[in-house]
Amino acid sequence: MKIIIVGNGKIGTLLVQELAKEGHDIVVVDNDPDKLYYTQEKMDVAIVVGNGASIEVLREAGTEESDLLLAVTNSDEVNLLTALLAGKVGCPRTVARVRKPEYDREMNLLKTSFGLSRPINPSKTSAREIFRLLQFPSFLTRRTFAQGRAEMAEYSIPAGSVLEGKPLEQVPALLSKRALICTVERDNEVFVPSGSTVLMAGDKISLSTATADLPLLLNKLGIRTETIRKVMIIGGSELAVYLATDLIQAGIQVKVIEQNKERGERLAERLPKLEVVIADGSLQSVLEEEGIADMDAVIPLTGIDEENIMISLYARSIGVRKTVTKVNRMEYLKLVDQTNLDAIVNPQQQTAMEIISYVRGASNAREGSLQTLSTIANGRVECLSFVVPETGDFLNVPIMKLKLKKAILLAGIVRNQNVIIPGGSDCMMRGDTIIVVADPRRMISNLADIFLENGGNA
């Protein structure tokens, strides 16, 4: 596909890296010539210097002949206008990053008025991810599939866990066959375990399960679920607005510490039940004064990764049960993996994966194309979902007889609203939603891509 990316910031750069690897013809548009020349030199893509919300610039970038335009600048207004003009010029598909709550409330109207094929709201997506983590604080990540019926959750095995020292072949009986361990992360390596793999304390595992079975799964793992009642958020960004709204609606007491007085006052006016403190939440003295030690969860959402990491580390050191840390810079993910941090949310990576999922589906728009895409293990494993098409050699064939490519695992089947943890005798049937775990280098865009080229039957 020929793709125009307007905005050469962190998300734009990440999209260029990923989409260029997948073989797409990329043109990047931005006002900053220095950033563009660096991108061109490093990634060998075409560039156009200028304002993406200009018809002349869009035409210079070849928008009339493009298949897709991605507007991912830091301005919602520029993104919406760029998408509108791109559609007028002749681009058949447009995606725009839109973060502000006031625009989100009118998204259906905006989609119609601005001709958006897909709005992307990283703040709202990240807020939902954090909210899900607070529902079940023991998990490090939660990825949902099939309209929320199925999940892929990451969990770190503590010392003394019922899983410690157990070979994988014993786990299905231990978990009443309600979950499948898909990957194990150990010593910074991620692998798909075999039946003889012995689980160890400190292993980070990913589990495929039904959302409805999460309480039972925690019980089987010997984890006592403790309700989150008091949450402290540091930073009053759009992400904080979405998260605080969800938490307040769930009856949770929320305190936001925001340094900017004007932003804090707007936040308090927008959410009357929210307690807003105008102060520097990066200062230990402020955190102590505002009762951080009494909180069930602390969520640092400032725009500075280093501050977020240090706040979470401090909260963990004084015994706060749950922290979720916003980290934007990809290079920090390996670093924070080696610290005592709890859960991590990377809005830019989530946004990129949502857009890449759309791109893969649009570039392979036939039955069985990709429905959703997310990552686990800090981006080293992809979790994908597909709807099984009407026809295919793999239909109604036991999984044990299917020829799958290497580094591919069938992690779940959703059929008639029921989640099946697949065994060798289970089959794929038309209309099923299939959850797949794969190496990102596979770049899977269609269900047929998981099979060897000589067909699906053994």
Protein backbone atom coordinates (compact mmCIF):
# COMPACT_ATOMS: atom_id res chain seq x y z
CA MET A 1 0.00 0.00 0.00
CA LYS A 2 1.04 3.61 -0.51
CA ILE A 3 0.68 5.30 2.87
CA ILE A 4 1.04 8.99 3.76
CA ILE A 5 2.01 9.62 7.39
CA VAL A 6 1.41 13.20 8.53
CA GLY A 7 3.34 13.86 11.73
CA ASN A 8 6.90 12.80 12.39
CA GLY A 9 6.72 12.70 16.20
CA LYS A 10 7.10 9.62 18.40
CA ILE A 11 4.04 7.80 17.04
CA GLY A 12 4.76 8.80 13.45
CA THR A 13 8.33 7.53 13.76
CA LEU A 14 7.16 4.26 15.29
CA LEU A 15 4.63 3.81 12.48
CA VAL A 16 7.28 4.49 9.83
CA GLN A 17 9.53 1.83 11.37
CA GLU A 18 6.83 -0.82 11.56
CA LEU A 19 5.04 -0.15 8.26
CA ALA A 20 8.27 0.14 6.26
CA LYS A 21 9.29 -3.29 7.61
CA GLU A 22 6.00 -4.65 6.29
CA GLY A 23 6.85 -3.47 2.78
CA HIS A 24 4.57 -0.48 2.40
CA ASP A 25 5.48 2.57 0.30
CA ILE A 26 5.76 5.37 2.88
CA VAL A 27 5.76 9.17 2.51
CA VAL A 28 6.24 11.22 5.69
CA VAL A 29 4.99 14.82 5.97
CA ASP A 30 6.08 17.23 8.72
CA ASN A 31 6.93 20.88 9.30
CA ASP A 32 10.32 20.09 10.86
CA PRO A 33 12.91 19.52 8.08
CA ASP A 34 15.65 18.34 10.47
CA LYS A 35 13.47 15.55 11.87
CA LEU A 36 12.36 14.57 8.38
CA TYR A 37 15.88 14.39 6.97
CA TYR A 38 16.90 12.20 9.93
CA THR A 39 13.91 9.91 9.28
CA GLN A 40 14.71 9.74 5.58
CA GLU A 41 18.35 8.89 6.21
CA LYS A 42 17.62 6.29 8.88
CA MET A 43 14.61 4.57 7.30
CA ASP A 44 14.94 5.27 3.57
CA VAL A 45 11.43 6.70 3.05
CA ALA A 46 10.16 9.62 0.99
CA ILE A 47 9.58 12.92 2.80
CA VAL A 48 7.71 16.18 2.18
CA VAL A 49 8.42 19.27 4.27
CA GLY A 50 5.29 21.28 5.00
CA ASN A 51 1.95 21.53 6.77
CA GLY A 52 -0.09 18.35 6.28
CA ALA A 53 -3.29 20.37 6.56
CA SER A 54 -2.48 22.00 3.20
CA ILE A 55 -3.91 20.71 -0.06
CA GLU A 56 -0.73 21.69 -1.90
CA VAL A 57 1.45 19.73 0.50
CA LEU A 58 -0.90 16.73 0.39
CA ARG A 59 -0.81 16.74 -3.40
CA GLU A 60 2.99 16.99 -3.35
CA ALA A 61 3.04 13.91 -1.11
CA GLY A 62 0.96 12.01 -3.67
CA THR A 63 -2.23 11.77 -1.63
CA GLU A 64 -4.34 11.45 -4.78
CA GLU A 65 -2.61 8.16 -5.62
CA SER A 66 -2.29 6.91 -2.02
CA ASP A 67 -4.27 4.09 -0.43
CA LEU A 68 -4.27 5.44 3.11
CA LEU A 69 -3.42 8.61 5.06
CA LEU A 70 -2.49 8.55 8.76
CA ALA A 71 -2.75 11.92 10.54
CA VAL A 72 -0.82 11.58 13.81
CA THR A 73 0.45 15.07 14.68
CA ASN A 74 0.19 16.39 18.25
CA SER A 75 -2.84 18.52 17.31
CA ASP A 76 -6.33 16.99 17.10
CA GLU A 77 -7.49 19.92 14.97
CA VAL A 78 -4.66 19.50 12.46
CA ASN A 79 -5.32 15.77 12.27
CA LEU A 80 -9.04 16.22 11.62
CA LEU A 81 -8.48 18.91 8.99
CA THR A 82 -5.76 16.83 7.31
CA ALA A 83 -8.07 13.83 7.10
CA LEU A 84 -10.88 15.99 5.67
CA LEU A 85 -8.64 17.51 2.99
CA ALA A 86 -7.07 14.14 2.13
CA GLY A 87 -10.53 12.73 1.47
CA LYS A 88 -11.39 15.72 -0.73
CA VAL A 89 -8.16 15.23 -2.68
CA GLY A 90 -9.05 11.59 -3.32
CA CYS A 91 -7.48 9.41 -0.61
CA PRO A 92 -9.89 6.47 -0.04
CA ARG A 93 -9.01 5.84 3.63
CA THR A 94 -8.02 8.22 6.42
CA VAL A 95 -7.06 7.60 10.05
CA ALA A 96 -6.69 10.44 12.56
CA ARG A 97 -5.40 10.52 16.11
CA VAL A 98 -7.95 12.41 18.24
CA ARG A 99 -7.43 12.66 22.00
CA LYS A 100 -9.57 15.46 23.47
CA PRO A 101 -12.70 14.32 25.36
CA GLU A 102 -14.82 17.07 23.79
CA TYR A 103 -14.08 15.63 20.34
CA ASP A 104 -14.50 12.04 21.51
CA ARG A 105 -18.07 12.78 22.61
CA GLU A 106 -18.92 13.82 19.04
CA MET A 107 -16.94 11.11 17.28
CA ASN A 108 -19.82 9.73 15.21
CA LEU A 109 -20.53 13.22 13.88
CA LEU A 110 -16.83 13.83 13.25
CA LYS A 111 -16.48 10.56 11.35
CA THR A 112 -19.35 11.57 9.10
CA SER A 113 -18.32 15.21 8.69
CA PHE A 114 -14.59 14.62 8.23
CA GLY A 115 -14.83 11.36 6.32
CA LEU A 116 -12.71 9.44 8.82
CA SER A 117 -12.30 5.74 8.15
CA ARG A 118 -10.95 5.24 11.66
CA PRO A 119 -10.45 7.62 14.60
CA ILE A 120 -7.71 6.59 17.04
CA ASN A 121 -7.84 7.81 20.63
CA PRO A 122 -4.67 6.72 22.49
CA SER A 123 -5.71 8.42 25.72
CA LYS A 124 -9.04 6.61 25.85
CA THR A 125 -7.47 3.27 24.87
CA SER A 126 -4.81 3.58 27.58
CA ALA A 127 -7.38 4.64 30.19
CA ARG A 128 -9.41 1.51 29.50
CA GLU A 129 -6.29 -0.64 29.78
CA ILE A 130 -5.44 0.90 33.17
CA PHE A 131 -9.03 0.51 34.37
CA ARG A 132 -8.99 -3.19 33.44
CA LEU A 133 -5.72 -3.65 35.33
CA LEU A 134 -7.21 -2.07 38.44
CA GLN A 135 -10.11 -4.52 38.26
CA PHE A 136 -7.62 -7.39 38.64
CA PRO A 137 -4.47 -5.87 40.18
CA SER A 138 -2.43 -9.10 40.04
CA PHE A 139 -2.08 -8.90 36.26
CA LEU A 140 0.63 -6.92 34.46
CA THR A 141 -1.33 -6.51 31.21
CA ARG A 142 -4.76 -7.46 29.90
CA ARG A 143 -5.59 -7.69 26.20
CA THR A 144 -9.20 -8.31 25.19
CA PHE A 145 -10.67 -10.04 22.12
CA ALA A 146 -14.07 -10.91 20.66
CA GLN A 147 -15.92 -7.92 22.13
CA GLY A 148 -14.38 -8.50 25.54
CA ARG A 149 -15.25 -12.20 25.86
CA ALA A 150 -11.68 -13.49 25.78
CA GLU A 151 -8.45 -12.21 27.32
CA MET A 152 -4.70 -12.54 27.18
CA ALA A 153 -3.30 -11.60 30.59
CA GLU A 154 0.30 -11.40 31.78
CA TYR A 155 1.22 -12.52 35.28
CA SER A 156 4.50 -12.77 37.18
CA ILE A 157 4.81 -16.01 39.16
CA PRO A 158 5.71 -15.19 42.79
CA ALA A 159 7.74 -17.41 45.10
CA GLY A 160 5.48 -20.00 46.70
CA SER A 161 2.92 -19.91 43.87
CA VAL A 162 1.03 -23.11 43.06
CA LEU A 163 2.66 -22.86 39.63
CA GLU A 164 6.24 -22.77 40.91
CA GLY A 165 8.11 -25.96 40.08
CA LYS A 166 5.23 -27.37 38.03
CA PRO A 167 5.86 -28.78 34.52
CA LEU A 168 3.49 -27.24 32.02
CA GLU A 169 1.78 -30.56 31.32
CA GLN A 170 0.33 -30.46 34.87
CA VAL A 171 -1.06 -26.94 34.59
CA PRO A 172 -4.31 -27.62 32.63
CA ALA A 173 -5.60 -29.87 35.42
CA LEU A 174 -4.46 -27.36 38.05
CA LEU A 175 -6.39 -24.57 36.31
CA SER A 176 -9.40 -26.80 35.49
CA LYS A 177 -8.61 -26.35 31.78
CA ARG A 178 -9.87 -22.76 32.01
CA ALA A 179 -6.62 -21.16 30.77
CA LEU A 180 -3.72 -21.81 28.42
CA ILE A 181 -0.18 -20.64 29.17
CA CYS A 182 0.95 -19.25 25.82
CA THR A 183 4.36 -17.72 26.50
CA VAL A 184 6.98 -17.61 29.22
CA GLU A 185 9.39 -14.71 29.71
CA ARG A 186 12.53 -15.71 31.63
CA ASP A 187 15.93 -13.99 31.82
CA ASN A 188 14.70 -11.44 29.26
CA GLU A 189 13.92 -14.22 26.74
CA VAL A 190 10.38 -15.02 25.56
CA PHE A 191 9.43 -18.51 24.38
CA VAL A 192 6.42 -20.76 23.79
CA PRO A 193 6.72 -23.45 26.46
CA SER A 194 6.48 -27.19 25.86
CA GLY A 195 4.78 -29.69 28.13
CA SER A 196 8.08 -30.43 29.88
CA THR A 197 8.83 -26.76 30.65
CA VAL A 198 9.06 -26.30 34.42
CA LEU A 199 7.67 -22.98 35.61
CA MET A 200 9.82 -20.93 37.98
CA ALA A 201 9.26 -18.06 40.40
CA GLY A 202 9.91 -14.81 38.55
CA ASP A 203 8.66 -16.13 35.21
CA LYS A 204 6.27 -13.77 33.42
CA ILE A 205 3.61 -15.86 31.75
CA SER A 206 0.79 -14.98 29.38
CA LEU A 207 -2.52 -16.77 29.88
CA SER A 208 -5.37 -17.08 27.41
CA THR A 209 -8.74 -17.39 29.13
CA ALA A 210 -12.37 -16.31 29.10
CA THR A 211 -12.99 -12.93 30.71
CA ALA A 212 -15.78 -14.48 32.77
CA ASP A 213 -13.30 -17.03 34.17
CA LEU A 214 -10.79 -14.47 35.50
CA PRO A 215 -12.09 -14.63 39.12
CA LEU A 216 -11.98 -18.45 39.04
CA LEU A 217 -8.50 -18.38 37.52
CA LEU A 218 -7.22 -16.12 40.29
CA ASN A 219 -8.75 -18.45 42.85
CA LYS A 220 -7.01 -21.44 41.26
CA LEU A 221 -3.72 -19.53 41.37
CA GLY A 222 -4.24 -18.85 45.06
CA ILE A 223 -4.50 -15.08 44.53
CA ARG A 224 -6.81 -13.15 46.83
CA THR A 225 -8.58 -10.43 44.86
CA GLU A 226 -8.52 -7.15 46.79
CA THR A 227 -10.80 -4.36 45.64
CA ILE A 228 -9.21 -1.06 44.64
CA ARG A 229 -11.06 1.73 46.48
CA LYS A 230 -8.65 4.70 46.53
CA VAL A 231 -6.54 5.82 43.55
CA MET A 232 -4.04 8.63 43.18
CA ILE A 233 -3.30 9.94 39.68
CA ILE A 234 -0.33 12.23 39.11
CA GLY A 235 -0.84 14.45 36.06
CA GLY A 236 -4.08 15.88 34.68
CA SER A 237 -3.78 15.01 31.00
CA GLU A 238 -6.56 13.78 28.69
CA LEU A 239 -5.64 10.25 29.72
CA ALA A 240 -6.26 11.21 33.36
CA VAL A 241 -9.67 12.65 32.42
CA TYR A 242 -10.80 9.43 30.75
CA LEU A 243 -9.41 7.25 33.56
CA ALA A 244 -10.84 9.38 36.38
CA THR A 245 -14.24 9.35 34.67
CA ASP A 246 -14.27 5.55 34.50
CA LEU A 247 -13.05 5.16 38.07
CA ILE A 248 -15.59 7.60 39.52
CA GLN A 249 -18.41 5.86 37.64
CA ALA A 250 -17.23 2.60 39.25
CA GLY A 251 -17.53 4.17 42.71
CA ILE A 252 -13.78 4.52 43.30
CA GLN A 253 -12.37 7.51 45.21
CA VAL A 254 -9.92 9.40 42.97
CA LYS A 255 -7.40 12.14 43.73
CA VAL A 256 -5.50 13.89 40.92
CA ILE A 257 -2.35 15.93 41.58
CA GLU A 258 -1.76 18.44 38.77
CA GLN A 259 0.94 21.12 38.79
CA ASN A 260 -0.71 23.46 36.26
CA LYS A 261 -3.37 25.53 38.04
CA GLU A 262 -5.48 26.26 34.96
CA ARG A 263 -5.53 22.62 33.87
CA GLY A 264 -6.34 21.47 37.41
CA GLU A 265 -9.25 23.90 37.71
CA ARG A 266 -10.67 22.73 34.36
CA LEU A 267 -10.39 19.14 35.54
CA ALA A 268 -12.20 19.89 38.81
CA GLU A 269 -14.94 21.74 36.92
CA ARG A 270 -15.39 18.87 34.46
CA LEU A 271 -15.54 16.16 37.18
CA PRO A 272 -17.16 17.58 40.35
CA LYS A 273 -16.69 14.30 42.30
CA LEU A 274 -12.95 14.34 41.64
CA GLU A 275 -10.53 15.65 44.27
CA VAL A 276 -7.94 17.83 42.51
CA VAL A 277 -4.77 19.08 44.21
CA ILE A 278 -2.70 21.83 42.56
CA ALA A 279 0.86 20.81 43.37
CA ASP A 280 4.01 19.18 41.97
CA GLY A 281 3.28 15.47 42.22
CA SER A 282 6.89 14.55 41.47
CA LEU A 283 7.90 15.77 44.97
CA GLN A 284 8.00 13.14 47.70
CA SER A 285 6.85 15.68 50.28
CA VAL A 286 3.71 16.45 48.25
CA LEU A 287 2.93 12.76 47.78
CA GLU A 288 3.32 12.11 51.49
CA GLU A 289 1.16 15.10 52.41
CA GLU A 290 -1.59 13.94 50.05
CA GLY A 291 -1.65 10.45 51.57
CA ILE A 292 0.11 8.26 49.03
CA ALA A 293 0.70 5.60 51.69
CA ASP A 294 -3.07 5.19 52.14
CA MET A 295 -3.75 4.61 48.45
CA ASP A 296 -4.63 1.24 46.94
CA ALA A 297 -3.19 2.29 43.58
CA VAL A 298 -0.93 5.05 42.26
CA ILE A 299 -0.97 5.98 38.56
CA PRO A 300 1.74 8.42 37.36
CA LEU A 301 0.61 9.98 34.06
CA THR A 302 2.91 12.98 33.70
CA GLY A 303 4.54 13.78 30.38
CA ILE A 304 7.98 12.87 31.72
CA ASP A 305 8.83 9.15 31.75
CA GLU A 306 11.59 9.55 34.33
CA GLU A 307 9.19 11.19 36.78
CA ASN A 308 6.59 8.48 36.25
CA ILE A 309 9.12 5.72 36.87
CA MET A 310 10.50 7.32 40.03
CA ILE A 311 7.01 7.99 41.45
CA SER A 312 6.02 4.36 40.90
CA LEU A 313 9.23 3.05 42.42
CA TYR A 314 8.65 5.22 45.49
CA ALA A 315 5.03 4.07 45.76
CA ARG A 316 6.12 0.44 45.55
CA SER A 317 8.81 0.99 48.18
CA ILE A 318 6.27 2.21 50.76
CA GLY A 319 3.86 -0.65 50.12
CA VAL A 320 1.28 0.67 47.65
CA ARG A 321 -0.38 -2.47 46.27
CA LYS A 322 -0.75 -1.45 42.63
CA THR A 323 1.06 0.95 40.34
CA VAL A 324 0.54 1.48 36.62
CA THR A 325 3.27 3.57 35.01
CA LYS A 326 2.92 5.48 31.75
CA VAL A 327 6.10 5.12 29.70
CA ASN A 328 6.27 6.72 26.24
CA ARG A 329 9.86 6.17 25.17
CA MET A 330 10.33 2.71 23.69
CA GLU A 331 13.97 2.56 24.73
CA TYR A 332 12.90 2.67 28.39
CA LEU A 333 10.85 -0.51 28.20
CA LYS A 334 13.84 -2.84 28.58
CA LEU A 335 15.15 -0.71 31.43
CA VAL A 336 11.91 -0.71 33.40
CA ASP A 337 11.63 -4.47 32.87
CA GLN A 338 14.63 -4.86 35.15
CA THR A 339 13.26 -2.68 37.98
CA ASN A 340 10.68 -3.29 40.68
CA LEU A 341 7.91 -1.67 38.65
CA ASP A 342 4.49 -3.25 38.40
CA ALA A 343 2.33 -2.71 35.31
CA ILE A 344 3.39 -0.43 32.44
CA VAL A 345 1.26 1.32 29.82
CA ASN A 346 2.77 2.66 26.62
CA PRO A 347 0.11 4.78 24.81
CA GLN A 348 2.26 5.24 21.73
CA GLN A 349 2.86 1.55 21.26
CA GLN A 350 -0.84 0.84 21.77
CA THR A 351 -1.74 3.51 19.21
CA ALA A 352 0.75 2.15 16.70
CA MET A 353 -0.57 -1.40 17.11
CA GLU A 354 -4.16 -0.23 16.62
CA ILE A 355 -3.19 1.57 13.42
CA ILE A 356 -1.05 -1.33 12.15
CA SER A 357 -3.98 -3.67 12.79
CA TYR A 358 -6.16 -1.43 10.62
CA VAL A 359 -3.49 -1.23 7.91
CA ARG A 360 -3.02 -4.99 7.76
CA GLY A 361 -6.76 -5.55 7.55
CA ALA A 362 -7.17 -2.88 4.85
CA SER A 363 -4.26 -4.21 2.77
CA ASN A 364 -5.69 -7.73 2.86
CA ALA A 365 -9.41 -7.04 2.81
CA ARG A 366 -10.82 -10.50 2.29
CA GLU A 367 -12.47 -13.14 4.45
CA GLY A 368 -10.29 -14.10 7.39
CA SER A 369 -8.46 -10.77 7.54
CA LEU A 370 -7.06 -9.44 10.79
CA GLN A 371 -9.61 -8.10 13.27
CA THR A 372 -7.47 -6.95 16.20
CA LEU A 373 -3.76 -6.76 16.99
CA SER A 374 -2.00 -6.13 20.29
CA THR A 375 1.30 -7.05 21.85
CA ILE A 376 2.59 -8.58 25.07
CA ALA A 377 6.09 -9.01 26.53
CA ASN A 378 6.92 -5.37 25.68
CA GLY A 379 6.16 -5.84 21.99
CA ARG A 380 8.07 -9.10 21.52
CA VAL A 381 4.91 -11.18 20.98
CA GLU A 382 1.83 -10.37 18.90
CA CYS A 383 -1.70 -11.39 19.87
CA LEU A 384 -4.08 -11.39 16.91
CA SER A 385 -7.71 -12.27 16.31
CA PHE A 386 -9.51 -13.39 13.15
CA VAL A 387 -13.03 -14.44 12.19
CA VAL A 388 -12.98 -17.83 10.47
CA PRO A 389 -14.25 -17.49 6.87
CA GLU A 390 -16.92 -19.53 5.14
CA THR A 391 -14.42 -21.66 3.24
CA GLY A 392 -10.92 -23.02 3.83
CA ASP A 393 -8.98 -26.28 3.98
CA PHE A 394 -8.57 -25.80 7.73
CA LEU A 395 -12.31 -25.84 8.51
CA ASN A 396 -13.50 -28.66 10.80
CA VAL A 397 -10.01 -30.21 10.93
CA PRO A 398 -8.62 -31.16 14.38
CA ILE A 399 -5.93 -28.71 15.41
CA MET A 400 -3.45 -31.55 15.87
CA LYS A 401 -3.68 -32.22 12.12
CA LEU A 402 -3.17 -28.64 10.98
CA LYS A 403 0.20 -27.54 9.60
CA LEU A 404 1.03 -24.30 11.35
CA LYS A 405 4.08 -22.19 10.66
CA LYS A 406 6.75 -22.05 13.34
CA ALA A 407 6.31 -19.60 16.22
CA ILE A 408 2.51 -19.74 15.85
CA LEU A 409 0.15 -20.83 18.63
CA LEU A 410 -3.65 -21.08 18.60
CA ALA A 411 -4.51 -19.55 21.97
CA GLY A 412 -8.30 -19.45 21.97
CA ILE A 413 -11.54 -20.07 20.09
CA VAL A 414 -14.67 -18.00 20.69
CA ARG A 415 -17.79 -19.75 19.44
CA ASN A 416 -21.37 -18.62 20.09
CA GLN A 417 -20.16 -16.35 22.89
CA ASN A 418 -18.34 -19.25 24.58
CA VAL A 419 -14.55 -19.32 24.95
CA ILE A 420 -12.81 -22.62 24.20
CA ILE A 421 -9.26 -23.26 25.39
CA PRO A 422 -8.12 -25.26 22.35
CA GLY A 423 -6.85 -28.81 22.58
CA GLY A 424 -5.59 -31.08 19.81
CA SER A 425 -9.05 -32.44 18.99
CA ASP A 426 -10.77 -29.04 18.72
CA CYS A 427 -11.57 -27.63 15.28
CA MET A 428 -12.05 -24.22 13.70
CA MET A 429 -15.59 -23.63 12.44
CA ARG A 430 -16.93 -20.86 10.22
CA GLY A 431 -17.82 -17.76 12.21
CA ASP A 432 -15.48 -18.58 15.11
CA THR A 433 -13.16 -15.89 16.42
CA ILE A 434 -9.64 -17.32 16.59
CA ILE A 435 -6.95 -15.88 18.89
CA VAL A 436 -3.39 -16.42 17.72
CA VAL A 437 -0.04 -15.78 19.39
CA ALA A 438 2.83 -15.15 16.96
CA ASP A 439 6.33 -13.80 16.47
CA PRO A 440 5.97 -10.18 15.24
CA ARG A 441 8.36 -10.94 12.38
CA ARG A 442 5.63 -13.07 10.81
CA MET A 443 3.58 -9.90 10.04
CA ILE A 444 0.35 -11.89 9.83
CA SER A 445 -2.60 -10.13 8.21
CA ASN A 446 -4.93 -13.04 7.39
CA LEU A 447 -5.88 -16.29 9.10
CA ALA A 448 -4.52 -18.19 6.09
CA ASP A 449 -1.07 -16.72 6.86
CA ILE A 450 -0.63 -18.95 9.91
CA PHE A 451 -0.57 -22.14 7.81
CA LEU A 452 2.20 -23.63 5.73
CA GLU A 453 1.85 -22.89 2.05
CA ASN A 454 1.10 -26.49 1.07
CA GLY A 455 -2.30 -26.34 2.76
CA GLY A 456 -3.90 -26.61 6.16
CA ASN A 457 -4.27 -30.40 6.42
CA ALA A 458 -1.56 -32.68 7.73
